[in-house]
Amino acid sequence: SRIMPALKYIEEHCNEKIKVRDAARLCFISESQLRRIFEKELGMSPIEYKNQRRMLLAMNMLKFSHSGVGEIASSLGFESVYVFSRVFKKHVGVSPTDFRKNIEFLRKKKLKNDG
């Protein structure tokens, strides 16, 4: 796909502030062309794609690390825990804290059923 360099760039820099202009330049196309191709091929804008990638990383960090929500928010480039929590809840449906609690509950339930 023509946007592969942009996808790779966004994935590698999703915890930083990125400009769609920079991603478009990597593909040798205009910003508007990049936006159109993203919408057509992925059904979302480049920024929505970036946020989706960050939410996947956040979910993995909440599942597999003991880092606090604030640490995770900061490592993913969010300006505050509040903004991170709001974006996370919008994408995932629950707050980061509730997500982690649900994961712990499911782990304990699985251990109980396996044991």
N, C-alpha and C. Protein backbone atom coordinates (compact mmCIF):
# COMPACT_ATOMS: atom_id res chain seq x y z
N SER A 1 0.83 -1.20 0.00
CA SER A 1 0.00 0.00 0.00
C SER A 1 0.87 1.26 0.00
N ARG A 2 0.35 2.29 -0.59
CA ARG A 2 1.09 3.56 -0.68
C ARG A 2 1.33 4.18 0.69
N ILE A 3 0.53 3.82 1.66
CA ILE A 3 0.66 4.48 2.97
C ILE A 3 1.48 3.67 3.97
N MET A 4 2.10 2.60 3.52
CA MET A 4 2.89 1.77 4.43
C MET A 4 3.95 2.56 5.20
N PRO A 5 4.70 3.45 4.55
CA PRO A 5 5.68 4.23 5.32
C PRO A 5 5.03 5.08 6.42
N ALA A 6 3.85 5.60 6.16
CA ALA A 6 3.13 6.40 7.16
C ALA A 6 2.66 5.51 8.31
N LEU A 7 2.16 4.34 8.00
CA LEU A 7 1.72 3.41 9.05
C LEU A 7 2.88 3.05 9.97
N LYS A 8 4.01 2.73 9.36
CA LYS A 8 5.19 2.37 10.14
C LYS A 8 5.65 3.54 11.01
N TYR A 9 5.67 4.73 10.42
CA TYR A 9 6.06 5.94 11.15
C TYR A 9 5.15 6.18 12.35
N ILE A 10 3.84 6.06 12.14
CA ILE A 10 2.89 6.28 13.23
C ILE A 10 3.09 5.23 14.31
N GLU A 11 3.25 3.98 13.93
CA GLU A 11 3.45 2.91 14.92
C GLU A 11 4.71 3.14 15.74
N GLU A 12 5.77 3.57 15.09
CA GLU A 12 7.04 3.77 15.79
C GLU A 12 7.07 5.04 16.64
N HIS A 13 6.19 5.98 16.33
CA HIS A 13 6.21 7.27 17.02
C HIS A 13 4.85 7.60 17.67
N CYS A 14 4.04 6.60 17.95
CA CYS A 14 2.69 6.87 18.44
C CYS A 14 2.68 7.49 19.84
N ASN A 15 3.80 7.43 20.54
CA ASN A 15 3.86 8.04 21.87
C ASN A 15 4.39 9.48 21.80
N GLU A 16 4.59 9.97 20.58
CA GLU A 16 5.08 11.34 20.38
C GLU A 16 4.03 12.15 19.64
N LYS A 17 4.21 13.46 19.67
CA LYS A 17 3.37 14.32 18.87
C LYS A 17 3.84 14.18 17.43
N ILE A 18 2.93 13.78 16.55
CA ILE A 18 3.31 13.63 15.15
C ILE A 18 2.44 14.55 14.30
N LYS A 19 2.96 14.87 13.13
CA LYS A 19 2.23 15.71 12.19
C LYS A 19 1.89 14.85 10.98
N VAL A 20 0.64 14.96 10.56
CA VAL A 20 0.19 14.23 9.39
C VAL A 20 1.04 14.62 8.19
N ARG A 21 1.45 15.86 8.15
CA ARG A 21 2.29 16.37 7.07
C ARG A 21 3.57 15.53 6.95
N ASP A 22 4.20 15.21 8.08
CA ASP A 22 5.43 14.42 8.07
C ASP A 22 5.17 12.99 7.56
N ALA A 23 4.06 12.41 7.98
CA ALA A 23 3.72 11.06 7.53
C ALA A 23 3.44 11.06 6.02
N ALA A 24 2.77 12.09 5.54
CA ALA A 24 2.48 12.19 4.10
C ALA A 24 3.76 12.31 3.29
N ARG A 25 4.70 13.09 3.78
CA ARG A 25 5.98 13.26 3.08
C ARG A 25 6.70 11.93 2.90
N LEU A 26 6.62 11.07 3.90
CA LEU A 26 7.26 9.76 3.80
C LEU A 26 6.68 8.92 2.66
N CYS A 27 5.43 9.19 2.32
CA CYS A 27 4.75 8.45 1.25
C CYS A 27 4.80 9.19 -0.09
N PHE A 28 5.41 10.38 -0.08
CA PHE A 28 5.50 11.21 -1.27
C PHE A 28 4.13 11.58 -1.83
N ILE A 29 3.21 11.86 -0.89
CA ILE A 29 1.87 12.31 -1.27
C ILE A 29 1.48 13.50 -0.40
N SER A 30 0.40 14.17 -0.77
CA SER A 30 -0.06 15.32 0.01
C SER A 30 -0.78 14.85 1.26
N GLU A 31 -0.93 15.78 2.19
CA GLU A 31 -1.65 15.49 3.42
C GLU A 31 -3.08 15.03 3.12
N SER A 32 -3.75 15.75 2.21
CA SER A 32 -5.14 15.41 1.90
C SER A 32 -5.24 14.03 1.24
N GLN A 33 -4.25 13.68 0.40
CA GLN A 33 -4.24 12.35 -0.20
C GLN A 33 -4.07 11.28 0.88
N LEU A 34 -3.17 11.55 1.81
CA LEU A 34 -2.94 10.59 2.89
C LEU A 34 -4.22 10.37 3.70
N ARG A 35 -4.88 11.48 4.03
CA ARG A 35 -6.14 11.37 4.79
C ARG A 35 -7.18 10.56 4.02
N ARG A 36 -7.30 10.81 2.72
CA ARG A 36 -8.28 10.09 1.89
C ARG A 36 -7.96 8.60 1.85
N ILE A 37 -6.68 8.27 1.66
CA ILE A 37 -6.29 6.85 1.59
C ILE A 37 -6.52 6.16 2.93
N PHE A 38 -6.18 6.84 4.03
CA PHE A 38 -6.45 6.27 5.36
C PHE A 38 -7.93 5.97 5.52
N GLU A 39 -8.76 6.94 5.19
CA GLU A 39 -10.22 6.76 5.32
C GLU A 39 -10.71 5.59 4.46
N LYS A 40 -10.21 5.54 3.23
CA LYS A 40 -10.65 4.49 2.30
C LYS A 40 -10.17 3.11 2.75
N GLU A 41 -8.89 3.00 3.12
CA GLU A 41 -8.32 1.69 3.43
C GLU A 41 -8.51 1.24 4.87
N LEU A 42 -8.53 2.20 5.81
CA LEU A 42 -8.61 1.84 7.23
C LEU A 42 -9.90 2.30 7.90
N GLY A 43 -10.63 3.18 7.24
CA GLY A 43 -11.87 3.68 7.82
C GLY A 43 -11.66 4.66 8.96
N MET A 44 -10.48 5.28 8.99
CA MET A 44 -10.18 6.24 10.05
C MET A 44 -9.10 7.20 9.58
N SER A 45 -8.95 8.28 10.31
CA SER A 45 -7.92 9.27 10.00
C SER A 45 -6.57 8.80 10.55
N PRO A 46 -5.48 9.43 10.09
CA PRO A 46 -4.18 9.08 10.66
C PRO A 46 -4.10 9.28 12.17
N ILE A 47 -4.73 10.34 12.68
CA ILE A 47 -4.71 10.59 14.12
C ILE A 47 -5.53 9.55 14.87
N GLU A 48 -6.65 9.14 14.30
CA GLU A 48 -7.44 8.08 14.93
C GLU A 48 -6.64 6.77 14.95
N TYR A 49 -5.90 6.53 13.88
CA TYR A 49 -5.04 5.34 13.83
C TYR A 49 -3.98 5.41 14.93
N LYS A 50 -3.38 6.58 15.08
CA LYS A 50 -2.37 6.78 16.13
C LYS A 50 -2.98 6.50 17.50
N ASN A 51 -4.17 7.04 17.76
CA ASN A 51 -4.81 6.82 19.06
C ASN A 51 -5.17 5.35 19.26
N GLN A 52 -5.58 4.69 18.19
CA GLN A 52 -5.89 3.26 18.30
C GLN A 52 -4.63 2.48 18.69
N ARG A 53 -3.51 2.80 18.06
CA ARG A 53 -2.24 2.15 18.40
C ARG A 53 -1.87 2.40 19.86
N ARG A 54 -2.05 3.65 20.30
CA ARG A 54 -1.72 3.98 21.70
C ARG A 54 -2.62 3.22 22.66
N MET A 55 -3.88 3.03 22.31
CA MET A 55 -4.79 2.31 23.19
C MET A 55 -4.43 0.83 23.27
N LEU A 56 -3.98 0.25 22.16
CA LEU A 56 -3.52 -1.14 22.19
C LEU A 56 -2.30 -1.28 23.09
N LEU A 57 -1.38 -0.34 22.97
CA LEU A 57 -0.20 -0.35 23.86
C LEU A 57 -0.63 -0.18 25.31
N ALA A 58 -1.55 0.74 25.55
CA ALA A 58 -2.03 0.99 26.92
C ALA A 58 -2.66 -0.26 27.52
N MET A 59 -3.49 -0.94 26.73
CA MET A 59 -4.14 -2.16 27.24
C MET A 59 -3.09 -3.21 27.59
N ASN A 60 -2.08 -3.36 26.74
CA ASN A 60 -1.02 -4.33 27.04
C ASN A 60 -0.25 -3.93 28.29
N MET A 61 0.03 -2.65 28.43
CA MET A 61 0.76 -2.20 29.62
C MET A 61 -0.08 -2.40 30.88
N LEU A 62 -1.38 -2.16 30.78
CA LEU A 62 -2.26 -2.37 31.94
C LEU A 62 -2.36 -3.85 32.28
N LYS A 63 -2.32 -4.71 31.27
CA LYS A 63 -2.41 -6.15 31.50
C LYS A 63 -1.12 -6.73 32.05
N PHE A 64 0.01 -6.32 31.50
CA PHE A 64 1.25 -7.04 31.73
C PHE A 64 2.31 -6.30 32.55
N SER A 65 2.03 -5.08 32.95
CA SER A 65 3.02 -4.36 33.77
C SER A 65 2.39 -3.94 35.08
N HIS A 66 3.23 -3.53 35.99
CA HIS A 66 2.75 -3.02 37.27
C HIS A 66 2.85 -1.50 37.33
N SER A 67 3.11 -0.88 36.19
CA SER A 67 3.20 0.58 36.12
C SER A 67 1.86 1.20 36.47
N GLY A 68 1.93 2.34 37.14
CA GLY A 68 0.71 3.06 37.47
C GLY A 68 0.10 3.69 36.23
N VAL A 69 -1.16 4.05 36.33
CA VAL A 69 -1.87 4.66 35.21
C VAL A 69 -1.17 5.95 34.78
N GLY A 70 -0.68 6.72 35.74
CA GLY A 70 0.04 7.96 35.42
C GLY A 70 1.31 7.70 34.63
N GLU A 71 2.05 6.66 35.03
CA GLU A 71 3.28 6.30 34.31
C GLU A 71 2.97 5.86 32.89
N ILE A 72 1.92 5.09 32.75
CA ILE A 72 1.52 4.61 31.41
C ILE A 72 1.12 5.80 30.55
N ALA A 73 0.31 6.69 31.10
CA ALA A 73 -0.13 7.88 30.36
C ALA A 73 1.07 8.68 29.88
N SER A 74 2.01 8.89 30.77
CA SER A 74 3.20 9.67 30.44
C SER A 74 4.05 8.97 29.38
N SER A 75 4.22 7.66 29.51
CA SER A 75 5.06 6.94 28.55
C SER A 75 4.44 6.90 27.16
N LEU A 76 3.13 7.06 27.09
CA LEU A 76 2.45 7.07 25.80
C LEU A 76 2.26 8.47 25.24
N GLY A 77 2.83 9.45 25.94
CA GLY A 77 2.82 10.81 25.41
C GLY A 77 1.59 11.63 25.71
N PHE A 78 0.78 11.20 26.67
CA PHE A 78 -0.41 11.98 27.02
C PHE A 78 0.00 13.11 27.95
N GLU A 79 -0.63 14.25 27.79
CA GLU A 79 -0.26 15.43 28.58
C GLU A 79 -0.70 15.31 30.03
N SER A 80 -1.69 14.45 30.31
CA SER A 80 -2.13 14.26 31.69
C SER A 80 -2.84 12.92 31.82
N VAL A 81 -2.97 12.47 33.05
CA VAL A 81 -3.71 11.23 33.33
C VAL A 81 -5.17 11.42 32.95
N TYR A 82 -5.69 12.61 33.18
CA TYR A 82 -7.09 12.90 32.86
C TYR A 82 -7.35 12.71 31.36
N VAL A 83 -6.49 13.27 30.52
CA VAL A 83 -6.67 13.15 29.07
C VAL A 83 -6.54 11.69 28.66
N PHE A 84 -5.54 11.00 29.20
CA PHE A 84 -5.36 9.58 28.91
C PHE A 84 -6.60 8.79 29.29
N SER A 85 -7.11 9.01 30.49
CA SER A 85 -8.29 8.26 30.95
C SER A 85 -9.50 8.53 30.07
N ARG A 86 -9.67 9.77 29.67
CA ARG A 86 -10.80 10.14 28.82
C ARG A 86 -10.70 9.45 27.45
N VAL A 87 -9.52 9.49 26.84
CA VAL A 87 -9.32 8.85 25.54
C VAL A 87 -9.46 7.33 25.67
N PHE A 88 -8.89 6.76 26.71
CA PHE A 88 -8.97 5.32 26.93
C PHE A 88 -10.42 4.88 27.06
N LYS A 89 -11.18 5.60 27.88
CA LYS A 89 -12.59 5.23 28.09
C LYS A 89 -13.39 5.36 26.80
N LYS A 90 -13.08 6.37 26.01
CA LYS A 90 -13.77 6.57 24.72
C LYS A 90 -13.51 5.38 23.79
N HIS A 91 -12.28 4.88 23.76
CA HIS A 91 -11.91 3.80 22.85
C HIS A 91 -12.25 2.42 23.38
N VAL A 92 -12.08 2.22 24.69
CA VAL A 92 -12.20 0.88 25.26
C VAL A 92 -13.55 0.66 25.95
N GLY A 93 -14.15 1.73 26.43
CA GLY A 93 -15.47 1.60 27.07
C GLY A 93 -15.43 1.64 28.58
N VAL A 94 -14.25 1.50 29.17
CA VAL A 94 -14.09 1.58 30.61
C VAL A 94 -12.83 2.39 30.92
N SER A 95 -12.71 2.85 32.14
CA SER A 95 -11.51 3.60 32.53
C SER A 95 -10.32 2.65 32.60
N PRO A 96 -9.10 3.20 32.53
CA PRO A 96 -7.92 2.34 32.67
C PRO A 96 -7.91 1.55 33.97
N THR A 97 -8.33 2.18 35.05
CA THR A 97 -8.35 1.51 36.36
C THR A 97 -9.34 0.36 36.35
N ASP A 98 -10.54 0.58 35.80
CA ASP A 98 -11.53 -0.49 35.73
C ASP A 98 -11.07 -1.61 34.79
N PHE A 99 -10.41 -1.25 33.71
CA PHE A 99 -9.87 -2.25 32.79
C PHE A 99 -8.91 -3.17 33.52
N ARG A 100 -7.99 -2.57 34.28
CA ARG A 100 -7.01 -3.36 35.03
C ARG A 100 -7.70 -4.22 36.09
N LYS A 101 -8.69 -3.67 36.78
CA LYS A 101 -9.42 -4.45 37.79
C LYS A 101 -10.11 -5.65 37.15
N ASN A 102 -10.72 -5.44 35.97
CA ASN A 102 -11.40 -6.54 35.28
C ASN A 102 -10.41 -7.62 34.86
N ILE A 103 -9.23 -7.22 34.41
CA ILE A 103 -8.19 -8.19 34.03
C ILE A 103 -7.79 -9.01 35.26
N GLU A 104 -7.57 -8.34 36.38
CA GLU A 104 -7.18 -9.04 37.62
C GLU A 104 -8.28 -10.00 38.06
N PHE A 105 -9.53 -9.55 37.96
CA PHE A 105 -10.66 -10.40 38.34
C PHE A 105 -10.69 -11.65 37.47
N LEU A 106 -10.51 -11.47 36.15
CA LEU A 106 -10.53 -12.62 35.24
C LEU A 106 -9.36 -13.57 35.50
N ARG A 107 -8.20 -13.02 35.82
CA ARG A 107 -7.04 -13.87 36.15
C ARG A 107 -7.32 -14.71 37.38
N LYS A 108 -7.85 -14.08 38.43
CA LYS A 108 -8.13 -14.79 39.67
C LYS A 108 -9.20 -15.85 39.45
N LYS A 109 -10.20 -15.52 38.63
CA LYS A 109 -11.26 -16.48 38.35
C LYS A 109 -10.71 -17.67 37.58
N LYS A 110 -9.83 -17.42 36.61
CA LYS A 110 -9.21 -18.50 35.85
C LYS A 110 -8.35 -19.38 36.75
N LEU A 111 -7.57 -18.76 37.63
CA LEU A 111 -6.75 -19.53 38.56
C LEU A 111 -7.60 -20.41 39.46
N LYS A 112 -8.71 -19.85 39.93
CA LYS A 112 -9.64 -20.59 40.79
C LYS A 112 -10.24 -21.79 40.04
N ASN A 113 -10.62 -21.55 38.78
CA ASN A 113 -11.22 -22.63 37.98
C ASN A 113 -10.20 -23.68 37.57
N ASP A 114 -8.95 -23.25 37.34
CA ASP A 114 -7.90 -24.20 36.94
C ASP A 114 -7.39 -25.02 38.14
N GLY A 115 -7.50 -24.44 39.31
CA GLY A 115 -6.92 -25.09 40.48
C GLY A 115 -7.88 -25.92 41.20
